[in-house]
Amino acid sequence: MLKRSLTLAGHKTSLALEAEFWDALEEMARDQNTTVPGLISNIDAARTTNNMSSAVRLAVLDHFRHPSRTKSPPLK
């Protein structure tokens, strides 16, 4: 598990995930033309579970199961 600190909605927090999930979040952020903290903020705002780590893992799973739904169009 890798623990990283970040700020969400103006509050400092930390998130512990396996290295593979951090790698997947970096790929997702590139696909969506955002940063990892920006992506996690979006996941946080949309989550329906109390557990942030679970919400992030589910978002990663959804992204890789349905890649066409979550990719941004290429920049011009």
PDB file of N, CA and C in Angstrom:
ATOM      1  N   MET A   1       0.842  -1.174   0.000  1.00  0.00           N
ATOM      2  CA  MET A   1       0.000   0.000   0.000  1.00  0.00           C
ATOM      3  C   MET A   1       0.889   1.240   0.000  1.00  0.00           C
ATOM      4  N   LEU A   2       0.502   2.191  -0.830  1.00  0.00           N
ATOM      5  CA  LEU A   2       1.183   3.477  -0.865  1.00  0.00           C
ATOM      6  C   LEU A   2       0.213   4.538  -0.378  1.00  0.00           C
ATOM      7  N   LYS A   3       0.663   5.342   0.554  1.00  0.00           N
ATOM      8  CA  LYS A   3      -0.178   6.395   1.099  1.00  0.00           C
ATOM      9  C   LYS A   3       0.294   7.725   0.533  1.00  0.00           C
ATOM     10  N   ARG A   4      -0.647   8.493  -0.019  1.00  0.00           N
ATOM     11  CA  ARG A   4      -0.330   9.817  -0.565  1.00  0.00           C
ATOM     12  C   ARG A   4      -1.236  10.850   0.079  1.00  0.00           C
ATOM     13  N   SER A   5      -0.680  12.015   0.293  1.00  0.00           N
ATOM     14  CA  SER A   5      -1.440  13.130   0.856  1.00  0.00           C
ATOM     15  C   SER A   5      -1.949  14.004  -0.272  1.00  0.00           C
ATOM     16  N   LEU A   6      -3.156  14.526  -0.125  1.00  0.00           N
ATOM     17  CA  LEU A   6      -3.727  15.433  -1.111  1.00  0.00           C
ATOM     18  C   LEU A   6      -4.768  16.319  -0.440  1.00  0.00           C
ATOM     19  N   THR A   7      -5.196  17.327  -1.161  1.00  0.00           N
ATOM     20  CA  THR A   7      -6.214  18.233  -0.655  1.00  0.00           C
ATOM     21  C   THR A   7      -7.476  18.057  -1.483  1.00  0.00           C
ATOM     22  N   LEU A   8      -8.580  17.767  -0.802  1.00  0.00           N
ATOM     23  CA  LEU A   8      -9.879  17.598  -1.458  1.00  0.00           C
ATOM     24  C   LEU A   8     -10.853  18.593  -0.857  1.00  0.00           C
ATOM     25  N   ALA A   9     -11.455  19.389  -1.692  1.00  0.00           N
ATOM     26  CA  ALA A   9     -12.440  20.375  -1.243  1.00  0.00           C
ATOM     27  C   ALA A   9     -11.873  21.238  -0.118  1.00  0.00           C
ATOM     28  N   GLY A  10     -10.595  21.598  -0.241  1.00  0.00           N
ATOM     29  CA  GLY A  10      -9.966  22.469   0.732  1.00  0.00           C
ATOM     30  C   GLY A  10      -9.504  21.795   2.011  1.00  0.00           C
ATOM     31  N   HIS A  11      -9.622  20.477   2.096  1.00  0.00           N
ATOM     32  CA  HIS A  11      -9.223  19.751   3.299  1.00  0.00           C
ATOM     33  C   HIS A  11      -8.107  18.776   2.969  1.00  0.00           C
ATOM     34  N   LYS A  12      -7.064  18.784   3.781  1.00  0.00           N
ATOM     35  CA  LYS A  12      -5.978  17.830   3.586  1.00  0.00           C
ATOM     36  C   LYS A  12      -6.415  16.455   4.057  1.00  0.00           C
ATOM     37  N   THR A  13      -6.053  15.457   3.269  1.00  0.00           N
ATOM     38  CA  THR A  13      -6.381  14.077   3.610  1.00  0.00           C
ATOM     39  C   THR A  13      -5.302  13.177   3.040  1.00  0.00           C
ATOM     40  N   SER A  14      -5.362  11.922   3.345  1.00  0.00           N
ATOM     41  CA  SER A  14      -4.442  10.958   2.747  1.00  0.00           C
ATOM     42  C   SER A  14      -5.250   9.772   2.243  1.00  0.00           C
ATOM     43  N   LEU A  15      -4.680   9.110   1.271  1.00  0.00           N
ATOM     44  CA  LEU A  15      -5.352   7.986   0.636  1.00  0.00           C
ATOM     45  C   LEU A  15      -4.334   6.874   0.456  1.00  0.00           C
ATOM     46  N   ALA A  16      -4.651   5.690   0.928  1.00  0.00           N
ATOM     47  CA  ALA A  16      -3.771   4.534   0.808  1.00  0.00           C
ATOM     48  C   ALA A  16      -4.348   3.568  -0.217  1.00  0.00           C
ATOM     49  N   LEU A  17      -3.574   3.314  -1.264  1.00  0.00           N
ATOM     50  CA  LEU A  17      -3.966   2.394  -2.325  1.00  0.00           C
ATOM     51  C   LEU A  17      -2.757   1.568  -2.742  1.00  0.00           C
ATOM     52  N   GLU A  18      -3.013   0.449  -3.366  1.00  0.00           N
ATOM     53  CA  GLU A  18      -1.944  -0.346  -3.940  1.00  0.00           C
ATOM     54  C   GLU A  18      -1.295   0.433  -5.087  1.00  0.00           C
ATOM     55  N   ALA A  19      -0.013   0.153  -5.324  1.00  0.00           N
ATOM     56  CA  ALA A  19       0.735   0.859  -6.377  1.00  0.00           C
ATOM     57  C   ALA A  19       0.037   0.759  -7.726  1.00  0.00           C
ATOM     58  N   GLU A  20      -0.565  -0.381  -8.006  1.00  0.00           N
ATOM     59  CA  GLU A  20      -1.240  -0.569  -9.293  1.00  0.00           C
ATOM     60  C   GLU A  20      -2.416   0.396  -9.459  1.00  0.00           C
ATOM     61  N   PHE A  21      -3.103   0.707  -8.366  1.00  0.00           N
ATOM     62  CA  PHE A  21      -4.213   1.664  -8.448  1.00  0.00           C
ATOM     63  C   PHE A  21      -3.698   3.071  -8.667  1.00  0.00           C
ATOM     64  N   TRP A  22      -2.567   3.437  -8.035  1.00  0.00           N
ATOM     65  CA  TRP A  22      -1.990   4.760  -8.303  1.00  0.00           C
ATOM     66  C   TRP A  22      -1.582   4.865  -9.772  1.00  0.00           C
ATOM     67  N   ASP A  23      -0.991   3.795 -10.318  1.00  0.00           N
ATOM     68  CA  ASP A  23      -0.623   3.790 -11.742  1.00  0.00           C
ATOM     69  C   ASP A  23      -1.861   3.958 -12.617  1.00  0.00           C
ATOM     70  N   ALA A  24      -2.927   3.241 -12.271  1.00  0.00           N
ATOM     71  CA  ALA A  24      -4.167   3.334 -13.044  1.00  0.00           C
ATOM     72  C   ALA A  24      -4.761   4.738 -12.959  1.00  0.00           C
ATOM     73  N   LEU A  25      -4.701   5.363 -11.774  1.00  0.00           N
ATOM     74  CA  LEU A  25      -5.206   6.734 -11.634  1.00  0.00           C
ATOM     75  C   LEU A  25      -4.417   7.709 -12.507  1.00  0.00           C
ATOM     76  N   GLU A  26      -3.114   7.515 -12.596  1.00  0.00           N
ATOM     77  CA  GLU A  26      -2.295   8.370 -13.458  1.00  0.00           C
ATOM     78  C   GLU A  26      -2.707   8.213 -14.921  1.00  0.00           C
ATOM     79  N   GLU A  27      -2.964   6.980 -15.351  1.00  0.00           N
ATOM     80  CA  GLU A  27      -3.423   6.738 -16.722  1.00  0.00           C
ATOM     81  C   GLU A  27      -4.806   7.357 -16.943  1.00  0.00           C
ATOM     82  N   MET A  28      -5.692   7.194 -15.986  1.00  0.00           N
ATOM     83  CA  MET A  28      -7.034   7.779 -16.096  1.00  0.00           C
ATOM     84  C   MET A  28      -6.948   9.302 -16.197  1.00  0.00           C
ATOM     85  N   ALA A  29      -6.104   9.909 -15.386  1.00  0.00           N
ATOM     86  CA  ALA A  29      -5.960  11.360 -15.410  1.00  0.00           C
ATOM     87  C   ALA A  29      -5.481  11.824 -16.786  1.00  0.00           C
ATOM     88  N   ARG A  30      -4.523  11.104 -17.366  1.00  0.00           N
ATOM     89  CA  ARG A  30      -4.072  11.446 -18.731  1.00  0.00           C
ATOM     90  C   ARG A  30      -5.218  11.312 -19.718  1.00  0.00           C
ATOM     91  N   ASP A  31      -5.974  10.224 -19.629  1.00  0.00           N
ATOM     92  CA  ASP A  31      -7.099   9.992 -20.539  1.00  0.00           C
ATOM     93  C   ASP A  31      -8.144  11.092 -20.443  1.00  0.00           C
ATOM     94  N   GLN A  32      -8.302  11.662 -19.245  1.00  0.00           N
ATOM     95  CA  GLN A  32      -9.339  12.662 -19.008  1.00  0.00           C
ATOM     96  C   GLN A  32      -8.791  14.093 -18.984  1.00  0.00           C
ATOM     97  N   ASN A  33      -7.531  14.236 -19.392  1.00  0.00           N
ATOM     98  CA  ASN A  33      -6.892  15.559 -19.448  1.00  0.00           C
ATOM     99  C   ASN A  33      -7.007  16.314 -18.128  1.00  0.00           C
ATOM    100  N   THR A  34      -6.662  15.634 -17.036  1.00  0.00           N
ATOM    101  CA  THR A  34      -6.694  16.245 -15.712  1.00  0.00           C
ATOM    102  C   THR A  34      -5.513  15.733 -14.909  1.00  0.00           C
ATOM    103  N   THR A  35      -5.436  16.158 -13.668  1.00  0.00           N
ATOM    104  CA  THR A  35      -4.401  15.682 -12.752  1.00  0.00           C
ATOM    105  C   THR A  35      -4.977  14.583 -11.869  1.00  0.00           C
ATOM    106  N   VAL A  36      -4.104  13.846 -11.212  1.00  0.00           N
ATOM    107  CA  VAL A  36      -4.582  12.816 -10.285  1.00  0.00           C
ATOM    108  C   VAL A  36      -5.397  13.453  -9.159  1.00  0.00           C
ATOM    109  N   PRO A  37      -4.925  14.546  -8.524  1.00  0.00           N
ATOM    110  CA  PRO A  37      -5.773  15.172  -7.498  1.00  0.00           C
ATOM    111  C   PRO A  37      -7.119  15.662  -8.053  1.00  0.00           C
ATOM    112  N   GLY A  38      -7.127  16.195  -9.270  1.00  0.00           N
ATOM    113  CA  GLY A  38      -8.385  16.623  -9.883  1.00  0.00           C
ATOM    114  C   GLY A  38      -9.313  15.452 -10.123  1.00  0.00           C
ATOM    115  N   LEU A  39      -8.760  14.350 -10.579  1.00  0.00           N
ATOM    116  CA  LEU A  39      -9.545  13.141 -10.819  1.00  0.00           C
ATOM    117  C   LEU A  39     -10.131  12.615  -9.505  1.00  0.00           C
ATOM    118  N   ILE A  40      -9.302  12.557  -8.474  1.00  0.00           N
ATOM    119  CA  ILE A  40      -9.780  12.065  -7.187  1.00  0.00           C
ATOM    120  C   ILE A  40     -10.840  13.005  -6.617  1.00  0.00           C
ATOM    121  N   SER A  41     -10.700  14.300  -6.838  1.00  0.00           N
ATOM    122  CA  SER A  41     -11.733  15.249  -6.405  1.00  0.00           C
ATOM    123  C   SER A  41     -13.056  14.955  -7.092  1.00  0.00           C
ATOM    124  N   ASN A  42     -13.004  14.649  -8.382  1.00  0.00           N
ATOM    125  CA  ASN A  42     -14.224  14.300  -9.119  1.00  0.00           C
ATOM    126  C   ASN A  42     -14.847  13.013  -8.581  1.00  0.00           C
ATOM    127  N   ILE A  43     -14.008  12.024  -8.293  1.00  0.00           N
ATOM    128  CA  ILE A  43     -14.495  10.764  -7.732  1.00  0.00           C
ATOM    129  C   ILE A  43     -15.125  11.030  -6.367  1.00  0.00           C
ATOM    130  N   ASP A  44     -14.465  11.850  -5.566  1.00  0.00           N
ATOM    131  CA  ASP A  44     -14.976  12.186  -4.236  1.00  0.00           C
ATOM    132  C   ASP A  44     -16.343  12.853  -4.324  1.00  0.00           C
ATOM    133  N   ALA A  45     -16.501  13.774  -5.250  1.00  0.00           N
ATOM    134  CA  ALA A  45     -17.764  14.505  -5.385  1.00  0.00           C
ATOM    135  C   ALA A  45     -18.907  13.599  -5.832  1.00  0.00           C
ATOM    136  N   ALA A  46     -18.582  12.556  -6.590  1.00  0.00           N
ATOM    137  CA  ALA A  46     -19.624  11.688  -7.147  1.00  0.00           C
ATOM    138  C   ALA A  46     -19.847  10.405  -6.345  1.00  0.00           C
ATOM    139  N   ARG A  47     -19.035  10.171  -5.348  1.00  0.00           N
ATOM    140  CA  ARG A  47     -19.109   8.856  -4.669  1.00  0.00           C
ATOM    141  C   ARG A  47     -20.398   8.685  -3.874  1.00  0.00           C
ATOM    142  N   THR A  48     -20.817   7.418  -3.804  1.00  0.00           N
ATOM    143  CA  THR A  48     -22.021   7.064  -3.048  1.00  0.00           C
ATOM    144  C   THR A  48     -21.677   6.187  -1.854  1.00  0.00           C
ATOM    145  N   THR A  49     -20.408   5.943  -1.637  1.00  0.00           N
ATOM    146  CA  THR A  49     -19.946   5.139  -0.510  1.00  0.00           C
ATOM    147  C   THR A  49     -19.195   6.025   0.472  1.00  0.00           C
ATOM    148  N   ASN A  50     -19.163   5.651   1.733  1.00  0.00           N
ATOM    149  CA  ASN A  50     -18.450   6.433   2.736  1.00  0.00           C
ATOM    150  C   ASN A  50     -16.941   6.252   2.639  1.00  0.00           C
ATOM    151  N   ASN A  51     -16.495   5.158   2.068  1.00  0.00           N
ATOM    152  CA  ASN A  51     -15.083   4.834   2.028  1.00  0.00           C
ATOM    153  C   ASN A  51     -14.448   5.361   0.741  1.00  0.00           C
ATOM    154  N   MET A  52     -13.540   6.333   0.880  1.00  0.00           N
ATOM    155  CA  MET A  52     -12.903   6.942  -0.297  1.00  0.00           C
ATOM    156  C   MET A  52     -12.060   5.933  -1.079  1.00  0.00           C
ATOM    157  N   SER A  53     -11.307   5.092  -0.390  1.00  0.00           N
ATOM    158  CA  SER A  53     -10.485   4.102  -1.098  1.00  0.00           C
ATOM    159  C   SER A  53     -11.343   3.180  -1.952  1.00  0.00           C
ATOM    160  N   SER A  54     -12.471   2.760  -1.420  1.00  0.00           N
ATOM    161  CA  SER A  54     -13.382   1.911  -2.192  1.00  0.00           C
ATOM    162  C   SER A  54     -13.929   2.657  -3.398  1.00  0.00           C
ATOM    163  N   ALA A  55     -14.292   3.916  -3.211  1.00  0.00           N
ATOM    164  CA  ALA A  55     -14.819   4.716  -4.318  1.00  0.00           C
ATOM    165  C   ALA A  55     -13.786   4.858  -5.427  1.00  0.00           C
ATOM    166  N   VAL A  56     -12.538   5.065  -5.054  1.00  0.00           N
ATOM    167  CA  VAL A  56     -11.469   5.197  -6.056  1.00  0.00           C
ATOM    168  C   VAL A  56     -11.269   3.875  -6.777  1.00  0.00           C
ATOM    169  N   ARG A  57     -11.213   2.789  -6.043  1.00  0.00           N
ATOM    170  CA  ARG A  57     -11.035   1.479  -6.698  1.00  0.00           C
ATOM    171  C   ARG A  57     -12.184   1.165  -7.659  1.00  0.00           C
ATOM    172  N   LEU A  58     -13.412   1.485  -7.245  1.00  0.00           N
ATOM    173  CA  LEU A  58     -14.558   1.250  -8.129  1.00  0.00           C
ATOM    174  C   LEU A  58     -14.502   2.135  -9.369  1.00  0.00           C
ATOM    175  N   ALA A  59     -14.043   3.364  -9.224  1.00  0.00           N
ATOM    176  CA  ALA A  59     -13.911   4.259 -10.380  1.00  0.00           C
ATOM    177  C   ALA A  59     -12.859   3.727 -11.351  1.00  0.00           C
ATOM    178  N   VAL A  60     -11.760   3.212 -10.815  1.00  0.00           N
ATOM    179  CA  VAL A  60     -10.722   2.623 -11.674  1.00  0.00           C
ATOM    180  C   VAL A  60     -11.292   1.410 -12.403  1.00  0.00           C
ATOM    181  N   LEU A  61     -11.989   0.557 -11.691  1.00  0.00           N
ATOM    182  CA  LEU A  61     -12.597  -0.623 -12.312  1.00  0.00           C
ATOM    183  C   LEU A  61     -13.549  -0.218 -13.432  1.00  0.00           C
ATOM    184  N   ASP A  62     -14.399   0.758 -13.165  1.00  0.00           N
ATOM    185  CA  ASP A  62     -15.345   1.228 -14.176  1.00  0.00           C
ATOM    186  C   ASP A  62     -14.628   1.795 -15.390  1.00  0.00           C
ATOM    187  N   HIS A  63     -13.574   2.554 -15.147  1.00  0.00           N
ATOM    188  CA  HIS A  63     -12.821   3.158 -16.250  1.00  0.00           C
ATOM    189  C   HIS A  63     -12.258   2.092 -17.196  1.00  0.00           C
ATOM    190  N   PHE A  64     -11.698   1.049 -16.625  1.00  0.00           N
ATOM    191  CA  PHE A  64     -11.083   0.032 -17.471  1.00  0.00           C
ATOM    192  C   PHE A  64     -12.083  -0.977 -18.027  1.00  0.00           C
ATOM    193  N   ARG A  65     -13.242  -1.077 -17.424  1.00  0.00           N
ATOM    194  CA  ARG A  65     -14.307  -1.921 -17.999  1.00  0.00           C
ATOM    195  C   ARG A  65     -15.008  -1.210 -19.135  1.00  0.00           C
ATOM    196  N   HIS A  66     -15.129   0.106 -19.040  1.00  0.00           N
ATOM    197  CA  HIS A  66     -15.870   0.897 -20.016  1.00  0.00           C
ATOM    198  C   HIS A  66     -15.032   2.099 -20.459  1.00  0.00           C
ATOM    199  N   PRO A  67     -13.911   1.858 -21.122  1.00  0.00           N
ATOM    200  CA  PRO A  67     -13.001   2.966 -21.447  1.00  0.00           C
ATOM    201  C   PRO A  67     -13.599   4.030 -22.357  1.00  0.00           C
ATOM    202  N   SER A  68     -14.498   3.690 -23.219  1.00  0.00           N
ATOM    203  CA  SER A  68     -15.050   4.691 -24.144  1.00  0.00           C
ATOM    204  C   SER A  68     -15.922   5.710 -23.423  1.00  0.00           C
ATOM    205  N   ARG A  69     -16.475   5.363 -22.267  1.00  0.00           N
ATOM    206  CA  ARG A  69     -17.323   6.284 -21.503  1.00  0.00           C
ATOM    207  C   ARG A  69     -16.528   7.341 -20.750  1.00  0.00           C
ATOM    208  N   THR A  70     -15.264   7.045 -20.456  1.00  0.00           N
ATOM    209  CA  THR A  70     -14.531   7.901 -19.539  1.00  0.00           C
ATOM    210  C   THR A  70     -13.372   8.661 -20.172  1.00  0.00           C
ATOM    211  N   LYS A  71     -13.104   8.472 -21.447  1.00  0.00           N
ATOM    212  CA  LYS A  71     -12.004   9.176 -22.088  1.00  0.00           C
ATOM    213  C   LYS A  71     -12.462  10.502 -22.661  1.00  0.00           C
ATOM    214  N   SER A  72     -11.625  11.491 -22.481  1.00  0.00           N
ATOM    215  CA  SER A  72     -11.889  12.799 -23.074  1.00  0.00           C
ATOM    216  C   SER A  72     -11.458  12.789 -24.537  1.00  0.00           C
ATOM    217  N   PRO A  73     -12.064  13.633 -25.358  1.00  0.00           N
ATOM    218  CA  PRO A  73     -11.608  13.708 -26.745  1.00  0.00           C
ATOM    219  C   PRO A  73     -10.190  14.260 -26.796  1.00  0.00           C
ATOM    220  N   PRO A  74      -9.436  13.928 -27.826  1.00  0.00           N
ATOM    221  CA  PRO A  74      -8.059  14.433 -27.935  1.00  0.00           C
ATOM    222  C   PRO A  74      -8.042  15.959 -28.011  1.00  0.00           C
ATOM    223  N   LEU A  75      -6.988  16.544 -27.465  1.00  0.00           N
ATOM    224  CA  LEU A  75      -6.825  18.000 -27.550  1.00  0.00           C
ATOM    225  C   LEU A  75      -6.416  18.387 -28.955  1.00  0.00           C
ATOM    226  N   LYS A  76      -6.895  19.526 -29.403  1.00  0.00           N
ATOM    227  CA  LYS A  76      -6.544  19.989 -30.753  1.00  0.00           C
ATOM    228  C   LYS A  76      -5.432  20.980 -30.681  1.00  0.00           C
TER     229      LYS A  76
END
